[in-house]
C-alpha atoms as a PDB file:
ATOM      1  CA  MET A   1       0.000   0.000   0.000  1.00  0.00           C
ATOM      2  CA  THR A   2       1.297   3.471  -0.860  1.00  0.00           C
ATOM      3  CA  LYS A   3       2.107   6.071   1.780  1.00  0.00           C
ATOM      4  CA  LYS A   4      -0.979   8.100   0.837  1.00  0.00           C
ATOM      5  CA  ALA A   5      -3.258   5.075   1.069  1.00  0.00           C
ATOM      6  CA  SER A   6      -1.728   4.110   4.421  1.00  0.00           C
ATOM      7  CA  LEU A   7      -2.359   7.606   5.814  1.00  0.00           C
ATOM      8  CA  ILE A   8      -5.961   7.520   4.598  1.00  0.00           C
ATOM      9  CA  SER A   9      -6.502   4.114   6.221  1.00  0.00           C
ATOM     10  CA  PHE A  10      -4.891   5.264   9.488  1.00  0.00           C
ATOM     11  CA  GLY A  11      -6.996   8.459   9.559  1.00  0.00           C
ATOM     12  CA  PHE A  12     -10.204   6.539   8.901  1.00  0.00           C
ATOM     13  CA  ILE A  13      -9.430   4.045  11.653  1.00  0.00           C
ATOM     14  CA  LEU A  14      -8.804   6.914  14.102  1.00  0.00           C
ATOM     15  CA  LEU A  15     -12.222   8.324  13.180  1.00  0.00           C
ATOM     16  CA  LEU A  16     -13.829   4.922  13.829  1.00  0.00           C
ATOM     17  CA  ILE A  17     -12.070   4.656  17.206  1.00  0.00           C
ATOM     18  CA  ALA A  18     -13.299   8.150  18.090  1.00  0.00           C
ATOM     19  CA  TYR A  19     -16.826   7.155  17.005  1.00  0.00           C
ATOM     20  CA  ASP A  20     -16.654   4.006  19.171  1.00  0.00           C
ATOM     21  CA  THR A  21     -15.395   6.021  22.118  1.00  0.00           C
ATOM     22  CA  LEU A  22     -18.053   8.742  21.946  1.00  0.00           C
ATOM     23  CA  GLN A  23     -20.800   6.168  21.394  1.00  0.00           C
ATOM     24  CA  GLN A  24     -19.826   4.162  24.478  1.00  0.00           C
ATOM     25  CA  LYS A  25     -19.344   7.271  26.618  1.00  0.00           C
ATOM     26  CA  TYR A  26     -22.888   8.364  25.765  1.00  0.00           C
ATOM     27  CA  TYR A  27     -24.202   4.874  26.559  1.00  0.00           C
ATOM     28  CA  VAL A  28     -22.507   4.448  29.960  1.00  0.00           C
ATOM     29  CA  GLU A  29     -23.342   7.968  31.096  1.00  0.00           C
ATOM     30  CA  THR A  30     -26.964   7.900  29.901  1.00  0.00           C
ATOM     31  CA  PHE A  31     -28.066   4.358  30.703  1.00  0.00           C
ATOM     32  CA  LEU A  32     -25.558   3.061  33.266  1.00  0.00           C
ATOM     33  CA  GLU A  33     -24.959   6.406  34.979  1.00  0.00           C
ATOM     34  CA  LEU A  34     -21.220   5.718  35.129  1.00  0.00           C
ATOM     35  CA  ASP A  35     -18.427   8.197  34.594  1.00  0.00           C
ATOM     36  CA  PHE A  36     -15.502   7.248  32.363  1.00  0.00           C
ATOM     37  CA  SER A  37     -12.955   9.634  30.895  1.00  0.00           C
ATOM     38  CA  LEU A  38     -12.620   9.846  27.122  1.00  0.00           C
ATOM     39  CA  ILE A  39      -8.940   8.851  27.362  1.00  0.00           C
ATOM     40  CA  GLU A  40      -9.766   5.652  29.257  1.00  0.00           C
ATOM     41  CA  LEU A  41     -12.500   4.669  26.813  1.00  0.00           C
ATOM     42  CA  PHE A  42     -10.283   5.552  23.858  1.00  0.00           C
ATOM     43  CA  LYS A  43      -7.562   3.230  25.166  1.00  0.00           C
ATOM     44  CA  ARG A  44     -10.054   0.388  25.554  1.00  0.00           C
ATOM     45  CA  HIS A  45     -11.246   0.728  21.976  1.00  0.00           C
ATOM     46  CA  ALA A  46      -7.703   1.161  20.673  1.00  0.00           C
ATOM     47  CA  VAL A  47      -6.957  -2.356  21.978  1.00  0.00           C
ATOM     48  CA  SER A  48      -9.657  -3.786  19.721  1.00  0.00           C
ATOM     49  CA  TRP A  49      -8.112  -2.054  16.715  1.00  0.00           C
ATOM     50  CA  ILE A  50      -4.675  -3.342  17.628  1.00  0.00           C
ATOM     51  CA  ALA A  51      -6.197  -6.832  17.446  1.00  0.00           C
ATOM     52  CA  TRP A  52      -7.824  -5.920  14.108  1.00  0.00           C
ATOM     53  CA  ILE A  53      -4.518  -4.697  12.667  1.00  0.00           C
ATOM     54  CA  GLY A  54      -2.525  -7.651  14.045  1.00  0.00           C
ATOM     55  CA  ILE A  55      -4.852 -10.187  12.449  1.00  0.00           C
ATOM     56  CA  GLY A  56      -5.120  -8.082   9.305  1.00  0.00           C
ATOM     57  CA  PHE A  57      -1.449  -7.989   8.293  1.00  0.00           C
ATOM     58  CA  PRO A  58      -1.152 -11.533   6.849  1.00  0.00           C
ATOM     59  CA  LEU A  59      -4.696 -11.505   5.484  1.00  0.00           C
ATOM     60  CA  GLY A  60      -4.097  -8.043   4.030  1.00  0.00           C
ATOM     61  CA  PHE A  61      -1.161  -9.337   2.016  1.00  0.00           C
ATOM     62  CA  ILE A  62      -3.319 -12.107   0.550  1.00  0.00           C
ATOM     63  CA  THR A  63      -6.143  -9.641  -0.128  1.00  0.00           C
ATOM     64  CA  GLN A  64      -3.832  -7.196  -1.905  1.00  0.00           C
ATOM     65  CA  ARG A  65      -2.500  -9.894  -4.236  1.00  0.00           C
ATOM     66  CA  LEU A  66      -6.027 -11.151  -4.934  1.00  0.00           C
ATOM     67  CA  ILE A  67      -7.254  -7.650  -5.805  1.00  0.00           C
ATOM     68  CA  ALA A  68      -4.186  -6.922  -7.930  1.00  0.00           C
ATOM     69  CA  ALA A  69      -4.747 -10.120  -9.889  1.00  0.00           C
ATOM     70  CA  ASN A  70      -8.417  -9.262 -10.527  1.00  0.00           C
ATOM     71  CA  SER A  71      -8.283  -5.470 -10.792  1.00  0.00           C
ATOM     72  CA  GLU A  72      -8.733  -5.596 -14.543  1.00  0.00           C
ATOM     73  CA  LEU A  73     -12.128  -7.250 -14.419  1.00  0.00           C
ATOM     74  CA  PRO A  74     -13.624  -8.158 -11.019  1.00  0.00           C
ATOM     75  CA  ASN A  75     -15.437 -11.501 -11.052  1.00  0.00           C
ATOM     76  CA  VAL A  76     -17.795 -13.474  -8.831  1.00  0.00           C
ATOM     77  CA  ASN A  77     -15.085 -15.935  -7.796  1.00  0.00           C
ATOM     78  CA  ALA A  78     -12.814 -13.135  -6.587  1.00  0.00           C
ATOM     79  CA  GLY A  79     -15.781 -11.541  -4.804  1.00  0.00           C
ATOM     80  CA  PHE A  80     -16.487 -14.734  -2.854  1.00  0.00           C
ATOM     81  CA  LYS A  81     -12.816 -15.003  -1.914  1.00  0.00           C
ATOM     82  CA  LEU A  82     -12.772 -11.406  -0.662  1.00  0.00           C
ATOM     83  CA  PHE A  83     -15.950 -11.999   1.324  1.00  0.00           C
ATOM     84  CA  GLY A  84     -14.375 -15.103   2.874  1.00  0.00           C
ATOM     85  CA  LEU A  85     -11.227 -13.168   3.810  1.00  0.00           C
ATOM     86  CA  VAL A  86     -13.271 -10.352   5.372  1.00  0.00           C
ATOM     87  CA  THR A  87     -15.382 -12.845   7.339  1.00  0.00           C
ATOM     88  CA  LEU A  88     -12.263 -14.654   8.557  1.00  0.00           C
ATOM     89  CA  HIS A  89     -10.640 -11.349   9.536  1.00  0.00           C
ATOM     90  CA  LEU A  90     -13.702 -10.187  11.455  1.00  0.00           C
ATOM     91  CA  SER A  91     -14.049 -13.495  13.308  1.00  0.00           C
ATOM     92  CA  LEU A  92     -10.384 -13.774  14.302  1.00  0.00           C
ATOM     93  CA  SER A  93     -10.259 -10.105  15.343  1.00  0.00           C
ATOM     94  CA  LEU A  94     -13.311 -10.508  17.589  1.00  0.00           C
ATOM     95  CA  VAL A  95     -11.897 -13.695  19.141  1.00  0.00           C
ATOM     96  CA  LEU A  96      -8.532 -12.056  19.860  1.00  0.00           C
ATOM     97  CA  PHE A  97     -10.136  -8.900  21.235  1.00  0.00           C
ATOM     98  CA  THR A  98     -12.437 -10.949  23.497  1.00  0.00           C
ATOM     99  CA  VAL A  99      -9.510 -12.953  24.865  1.00  0.00           C
ATOM    100  CA  ILE A 100      -7.562  -9.731  25.528  1.00  0.00           C
ATOM    101  CA  ARG A 101     -10.510  -8.221  27.399  1.00  0.00           C
ATOM    102  CA  LEU A 102     -11.001 -11.375  29.463  1.00  0.00           C
ATOM    103  CA  VAL A 103      -7.362 -11.432  30.498  1.00  0.00           C
ATOM    104  CA  ASP A 104      -7.247  -7.677  31.139  1.00  0.00           C
ATOM    105  CA  SER A 105     -10.451  -7.675  33.225  1.00  0.00           C
ATOM    106  CA  GLY A 106      -9.655 -10.870  35.128  1.00  0.00           C
ATOM    107  CA  PHE A 107     -12.819 -12.604  33.937  1.00  0.00           C
ATOM    108  CA  ALA A 108     -13.028 -16.387  33.723  1.00  0.00           C
ATOM    109  CA  MET A 109     -12.821 -17.988  30.272  1.00  0.00           C
ATOM    110  CA  ILE A 110     -16.281 -19.428  30.913  1.00  0.00           C
ATOM    111  CA  GLN A 111     -17.583 -15.921  30.152  1.00  0.00           C
ATOM    112  CA  PHE A 112     -15.962 -15.961  26.697  1.00  0.00           C
ATOM    113  CA  ARG A 113     -19.169 -16.782  24.809  1.00  0.00           C
ATOM    114  CA  GLU A 114     -21.175 -14.011  26.471  1.00  0.00           C
ATOM    115  CA  LEU A 115     -18.443 -11.413  25.970  1.00  0.00           C
ATOM    116  CA  PHE A 116     -17.808 -12.536  22.369  1.00  0.00           C
ATOM    117  CA  ILE A 117     -21.485 -12.058  21.469  1.00  0.00           C
ATOM    118  CA  PHE A 118     -21.432  -8.618  23.073  1.00  0.00           C
ATOM    119  CA  HIS A 119     -18.339  -7.610  21.071  1.00  0.00           C
ATOM    120  CA  MET A 120     -19.828  -9.106  17.908  1.00  0.00           C
ATOM    121  CA  PHE A 121     -22.793  -6.719  18.099  1.00  0.00           C
ATOM    122  CA  GLN A 122     -20.587  -3.850  19.211  1.00  0.00           C
ATOM    123  CA  LYS A 123     -17.677  -4.166  16.762  1.00  0.00           C
ATOM    124  CA  THR A 124     -18.750  -6.049  13.645  1.00  0.00           C
ATOM    125  CA  LEU A 125     -20.133  -3.030  11.804  1.00  0.00           C
ATOM    126  CA  VAL A 126     -17.135  -0.753  12.362  1.00  0.00           C
ATOM    127  CA  PHE A 127     -14.672  -3.569  11.641  1.00  0.00           C
ATOM    128  CA  PHE A 128     -16.561  -4.339   8.426  1.00  0.00           C
ATOM    129  CA  MET A 129     -16.473  -0.666   7.394  1.00  0.00           C
ATOM    130  CA  ALA A 130     -12.719  -0.576   7.983  1.00  0.00           C
ATOM    131  CA  ASP A 131     -12.213  -3.766   5.951  1.00  0.00           C
ATOM    132  CA  CYS A 132     -14.247  -2.338   3.073  1.00  0.00           C
ATOM    133  CA  THR A 133     -12.201   0.870   3.175  1.00  0.00           C
ATOM    134  CA  VAL A 134      -8.926  -1.047   2.934  1.00  0.00           C
ATOM    135  CA  ILE A 135     -10.282  -3.193   0.079  1.00  0.00           C
ATOM    136  CA  ILE A 136     -11.378  -0.074  -1.837  1.00  0.00           C
ATOM    137  CA  LEU A 137      -7.928   1.456  -1.341  1.00  0.00           C
ATOM    138  CA  PHE A 138      -6.241  -1.755  -2.510  1.00  0.00           C
ATOM    139  CA  TYR A 139      -8.487  -1.872  -5.568  1.00  0.00           C
ATOM    140  CA  SER A 140      -7.954   1.822  -6.382  1.00  0.00           C
ATOM    141  CA  GLN A 141      -4.212   1.365  -6.060  1.00  0.00           C
ATOM    142  CA  ALA A 142      -4.230  -1.638  -8.401  1.00  0.00           C
ATOM    143  CA  LYS A 143      -6.281   0.276 -10.978  1.00  0.00           C
ATOM    144  CA  GLN A 144      -3.977   3.286 -10.661  1.00  0.00           C
ATOM    145  CA  VAL A 145      -0.975   1.113 -11.434  1.00  0.00           C
ATOM    146  CA  ILE A 146      -2.657   0.075 -14.670  1.00  0.00           C
ATOM    147  CA  ILE A 147      -3.676   3.645 -15.522  1.00  0.00           C
ATOM    148  CA  GLN A 148      -0.128   4.858 -14.888  1.00  0.00           C
ATOM    149  CA  SER A 149       1.372   1.911 -16.711  1.00  0.00           C
ATOM    150  CA  GLN A 150       4.499   2.467 -18.694  1.00  0.00           C
ATOM    151  CA  TYR A 151       3.964   3.840 -22.146  1.00  0.00           C
ATOM    152  CA  VAL A 152       3.580   1.126 -24.738  1.00  0.00           C
ATOM    153  CA  GLU A 153       3.463   2.216 -28.316  1.00  0.00           C
ATOM    154  CA  ILE A 154       2.453   0.182 -31.349  1.00  0.00           C
ATOM    155  CA  LYS A 155       3.926   1.366 -34.610  1.00  0.00           C
ATOM    156  CA  HIS A 156       2.572   0.013 -37.827  1.00  0.00           C
ATOM    157  CA  LEU A 157       4.948  -1.016 -40.584  1.00  0.00           C
ATOM    158  CA  LYS A 158       3.428  -1.746 -43.968  1.00  0.00           C
ATOM    159  CA  ASN A 159       4.057  -5.199 -45.377  1.00  0.00           C
ATOM    160  CA  LYS A 160       2.722  -5.941 -48.850  1.00  0.00           C
ATOM    161  CA  ASP A 161       3.275  -9.702 -48.433  1.00  0.00           C
ATOM    162  CA  LEU A 162       0.476 -10.048 -45.854  1.00  0.00           C
ATOM    163  CA  SER A 163      -2.402  -8.730 -47.963  1.00  0.00           C
ATOM    164  CA  PRO A 164      -4.372 -12.041 -47.545  1.00  0.00           C
ATOM    165  CA  LEU A 165      -4.887 -11.104 -43.913  1.00  0.00           C
ATOM    166  CA  GLU A 166      -7.291  -8.364 -45.006  1.00  0.00           C
ATOM    167  CA  ASP A 167      -9.712 -11.029 -46.233  1.00  0.00           C
ATOM    168  CA  LEU A 168      -9.667 -12.565 -42.759  1.00  0.00           C
ATOM    169  CA  GLY A 169     -10.626  -9.356 -41.016  1.00  0.00           C
ATOM    170  CA  LEU A 170      -7.038  -8.934 -39.798  1.00  0.00           C
ATOM    171  CA  SER A 171      -4.702  -6.014 -40.263  1.00  0.00           C
ATOM    172  CA  SER A 172      -2.411  -6.035 -43.277  1.00  0.00           C
ATOM    173  CA  GLU A 173       0.255  -4.175 -41.305  1.00  0.00           C
ATOM    174  CA  ILE A 174       3.102  -5.666 -39.302  1.00  0.00           C
ATOM    175  CA  PRO A 175       3.398  -3.766 -36.028  1.00  0.00           C
ATOM    176  CA  GLN A 176       6.260  -3.616 -33.642  1.00  0.00           C
ATOM    177  CA  MET A 177       5.847  -3.100 -29.948  1.00  0.00           C
ATOM    178  CA  VAL A 178       8.046  -0.488 -28.335  1.00  0.00           C
ATOM    179  CA  ILE A 179       8.475  -1.172 -24.626  1.00  0.00           C
ATOM    180  CA  ARG A 180      10.071   1.583 -22.597  1.00  0.00           C
ATOM    181  CA  THR A 181      11.546   0.671 -19.238  1.00  0.00           C
ATOM    182  CA  GLY A 182      13.254   3.700 -17.764  1.00  0.00           C
ATOM    183  CA  ASN A 183      15.915   4.733 -20.301  1.00  0.00           C
ATOM    184  CA  LYS A 184      15.858   1.340 -22.023  1.00  0.00           C
ATOM    185  CA  ILE A 185      13.819   0.720 -25.152  1.00  0.00           C
ATOM    186  CA  ASP A 186      13.051  -2.731 -26.567  1.00  0.00           C
ATOM    187  CA  ARG A 187      11.470  -3.164 -29.977  1.00  0.00           C
ATOM    188  CA  ILE A 188       9.644  -6.424 -30.615  1.00  0.00           C
ATOM    189  CA  LEU A 189       7.979  -7.454 -33.865  1.00  0.00           C
ATOM    190  CA  LEU A 190       4.572  -8.942 -33.124  1.00  0.00           C
ATOM    191  CA  SER A 191       5.461 -11.846 -35.398  1.00  0.00           C
ATOM    192  CA  GLU A 192       8.146 -12.775 -32.832  1.00  0.00           C
ATOM    193  CA  ILE A 193       5.668 -12.939 -29.950  1.00  0.00           C
ATOM    194  CA  ILE A 194       4.353 -16.413 -29.081  1.00  0.00           C
ATOM    195  CA  TRP A 195       2.039 -15.543 -26.225  1.00  0.00           C
ATOM    196  CA  ILE A 196       1.483 -12.946 -23.518  1.00  0.00           C
ATOM    197  CA  GLN A 197       0.902 -13.887 -19.904  1.00  0.00           C
ATOM    198  CA  SER A 198      -0.997 -11.931 -17.272  1.00  0.00           C
ATOM    199  CA  ASP A 199       1.164 -11.428 -14.185  1.00  0.00           C
ATOM    200  CA  ASP A 200      -0.907  -9.728 -11.476  1.00  0.00           C
ATOM    201  CA  TYR A 201      -1.418  -6.192 -12.837  1.00  0.00           C
ATOM    202  CA  CYS A 202       1.443  -6.570 -15.334  1.00  0.00           C
ATOM    203  CA  SER A 203       1.911  -8.577 -18.536  1.00  0.00           C
ATOM    204  CA  LYS A 204       4.795 -10.819 -19.545  1.00  0.00           C
ATOM    205  CA  ILE A 205       5.622 -11.189 -23.243  1.00  0.00           C
ATOM    206  CA  HIS A 206       7.143 -14.488 -24.418  1.00  0.00           C
ATOM    207  CA  THR A 207       8.988 -14.480 -27.749  1.00  0.00           C
ATOM    208  CA  LYS A 208      10.287 -17.111 -30.177  1.00  0.00           C
ATOM    209  CA  ASN A 209      13.906 -16.719 -29.077  1.00  0.00           C
ATOM    210  CA  ASP A 210      12.965 -17.675 -25.489  1.00  0.00           C
ATOM    211  CA  ARG A 211      13.192 -14.106 -24.270  1.00  0.00           C
ATOM    212  CA  SER A 212      10.552 -12.511 -22.083  1.00  0.00           C
ATOM    213  CA  PHE A 213       9.676  -8.903 -21.363  1.00  0.00           C
ATOM    214  CA  SER A 214       7.625  -7.618 -18.436  1.00  0.00           C
ATOM    215  CA  MET A 215       5.529  -4.509 -18.722  1.00  0.00           C
ATOM    216  CA  ARG A 216       3.007  -2.624 -16.600  1.00  0.00           C
ATOM    217  CA  GLN A 217       0.173  -2.994 -19.065  1.00  0.00           C
ATOM    218  CA  SER A 218      -3.051  -4.891 -18.517  1.00  0.00           C
ATOM    219  CA  LEU A 219      -3.758  -7.938 -20.651  1.00  0.00           C
ATOM    220  CA  LYS A 220      -7.164  -6.466 -21.475  1.00  0.00           C
ATOM    221  CA  SER A 221      -5.692  -3.359 -23.105  1.00  0.00           C
ATOM    222  CA  LEU A 222      -3.169  -5.474 -25.018  1.00  0.00           C
ATOM    223  CA  GLU A 223      -5.973  -7.737 -26.211  1.00  0.00           C
ATOM    224  CA  LEU A 224      -7.848  -4.788 -27.692  1.00  0.00           C
ATOM    225  CA  SER A 225      -4.718  -3.496 -29.433  1.00  0.00           C
ATOM    226  CA  LEU A 226      -3.449  -6.821 -30.747  1.00  0.00           C
ATOM    227  CA  MET A 227      -6.693  -8.534 -31.761  1.00  0.00           C
ATOM    228  CA  PRO A 228      -6.461  -7.238 -35.381  1.00  0.00           C
ATOM    229  CA  TYR A 229      -2.998  -8.801 -35.681  1.00  0.00           C
ATOM    230  CA  GLY A 230      -3.915 -12.416 -35.090  1.00  0.00           C
ATOM    231  CA  PHE A 231      -3.957 -12.478 -31.273  1.00  0.00           C
ATOM    232  CA  VAL A 232      -6.795 -14.020 -29.267  1.00  0.00           C
ATOM    233  CA  ARG A 233      -7.571 -14.306 -25.565  1.00  0.00           C
ATOM    234  CA  ILE A 234      -7.836 -18.023 -24.700  1.00  0.00           C
ATOM    235  CA  HIS A 235      -7.708 -17.750 -20.910  1.00  0.00           C
ATOM    236  CA  ARG A 236      -8.001 -15.118 -18.217  1.00  0.00           C
ATOM    237  CA  SER A 237      -4.204 -15.050 -18.066  1.00  0.00           C
ATOM    238  CA  VAL A 238      -3.237 -15.912 -21.668  1.00  0.00           C
ATOM    239  CA  LEU A 239      -3.224 -13.864 -24.879  1.00  0.00           C
ATOM    240  CA  LEU A 240      -2.129 -16.079 -27.776  1.00  0.00           C
ATOM    241  CA  ASN A 241      -0.575 -15.415 -31.174  1.00  0.00           C
ATOM    242  CA  LEU A 242      -2.553 -17.654 -33.548  1.00  0.00           C
ATOM    243  CA  SER A 243       0.457 -18.164 -35.795  1.00  0.00           C
ATOM    244  CA  SER A 244       2.209 -20.052 -32.980  1.00  0.00           C
ATOM    245  CA  VAL A 245      -0.530 -22.680 -32.596  1.00  0.00           C
ATOM    246  CA  ASN A 246       0.278 -26.247 -33.585  1.00  0.00           C
ATOM    247  CA  GLN A 247      -2.692 -28.194 -32.182  1.00  0.00           C
ATOM    248  CA  LEU A 248      -5.911 -27.627 -30.236  1.00  0.00           C
ATOM    249  CA  ASN A 249      -6.867 -30.455 -27.885  1.00  0.00           C
ATOM    250  CA  LEU A 250     -10.545 -30.101 -27.017  1.00  0.00           C
ATOM    251  CA  ASP A 251     -10.545 -33.100 -24.655  1.00  0.00           C
ATOM    252  CA  LYS A 252      -7.905 -31.565 -22.393  1.00  0.00           C
ATOM    253  CA  SER A 253      -8.883 -27.945 -23.121  1.00  0.00           C
ATOM    254  CA  VAL A 254      -5.293 -27.058 -23.997  1.00  0.00           C
ATOM    255  CA  VAL A 255      -3.569 -25.639 -27.023  1.00  0.00           C
ATOM    256  CA  LYS A 256      -0.175 -26.989 -28.069  1.00  0.00           C
ATOM    257  CA  LEU A 257       2.258 -24.487 -29.540  1.00  0.00           C
ATOM    258  CA  LYS A 258       4.928 -25.057 -32.175  1.00  0.00           C
ATOM    259  CA  ASN A 259       7.569 -25.062 -29.424  1.00  0.00           C
ATOM    260  CA  ASP A 260       5.628 -27.921 -27.709  1.00  0.00           C
ATOM    261  CA  LEU A 261       4.429 -25.677 -24.885  1.00  0.00           C
ATOM    262  CA  GLU A 262       0.848 -26.363 -23.766  1.00  0.00           C
ATOM    263  CA  LEU A 263      -1.404 -23.538 -22.596  1.00  0.00           C
ATOM    264  CA  PRO A 264      -4.848 -23.814 -20.954  1.00  0.00           C
ATOM    265  CA  VAL A 265      -7.984 -22.797 -22.831  1.00  0.00           C
ATOM    266  CA  SER A 266     -11.020 -21.639 -20.878  1.00  0.00           C
ATOM    267  CA  LYS A 267     -14.174 -23.537 -21.805  1.00  0.00           C
ATOM    268  CA  SER A 268     -15.943 -20.247 -22.429  1.00  0.00           C
ATOM    269  CA  ARG A 269     -13.264 -19.259 -24.977  1.00  0.00           C
ATOM    270  CA  VAL A 270     -12.950 -22.552 -26.914  1.00  0.00           C
ATOM    271  CA  ARG A 271     -15.500 -21.553 -29.527  1.00  0.00           C
ATOM    272  CA  THR A 272     -13.861 -18.176 -30.103  1.00  0.00           C
ATOM    273  CA  LEU A 273     -10.473 -19.840 -30.524  1.00  0.00           C
ATOM    274  CA  ARG A 274     -11.858 -22.386 -33.004  1.00  0.00           C
ATOM    275  CA  ASP A 275     -13.503 -19.640 -35.046  1.00  0.00           C
ATOM    276  CA  ARG A 276     -10.351 -17.541 -35.116  1.00  0.00           C
ATOM    277  CA  LEU A 277      -8.194 -20.524 -36.055  1.00  0.00           C
ATOM    278  CA  SER A 278     -10.623 -21.369 -38.828  1.00  0.00           C
ATOM    279  CA  GLN A 279     -10.408 -17.811 -40.170  1.00  0.00           C
ATOM    280  CA  PHE A 280      -6.651 -17.691 -39.740  1.00  0.00           C
ATOM    281  CA  SER A 281      -5.963 -20.898 -41.666  1.00  0.00           C
ATOM    282  CA  VAL A 282      -5.355 -20.542 -45.389  1.00  0.00           C
END
């Protein structure tokens, strides 16, 4: 998480702690007629957030990678995984906070169930709001990385020998991809590219000479740019150059390339691949 995102998360959590503190102070003074200082109540609620943060570090790492991998196009599967992570985080945070309160107050562990239910009603909503805030920040950060991706330029070079491609609905131009990494520039002819792999929020280009190039460009944007040049998306993480295909195995849902590499084909994309291969063949 960036420094800005971390500061936003920290500020929001402080606001939630302040909200918890003021809410409980109003409750104990109005209904229980007890007098607690704001500092004392603030410390009590800060303990619960320490538990929330402690449990959240390892789960946050998993969540960040999951969001980064699905930032291009959120899906139901990723949504269920995020919901599961949030539920696990909330449950473990409440358990840890309850144990801390039992130990701190000198209560017997037999009172765990009663105290856990009390904390569940008291803390679940604010913990859930904090989790949603962090997820939104993770998602925004992943999208920003794609938006600020390194500049990738496609230059079109005319090639009179590929005029038959026009009849197939493909471009009659041979493009080259110019990848800029800092002060280094690599030029790659699209005819040299075998396939492109999605790597979190980046893409990895695999070429015929066994070289690979990583770039901060989403596979979706590359798909839109390269589709007219004989490239097709066969899997969520694979963009394939049709000219590199040797065999399509429908039983195993894999495509075998001319270099004997096998790549998975999503069932939902088999028909598209067959149609494109049929058009591409001469």
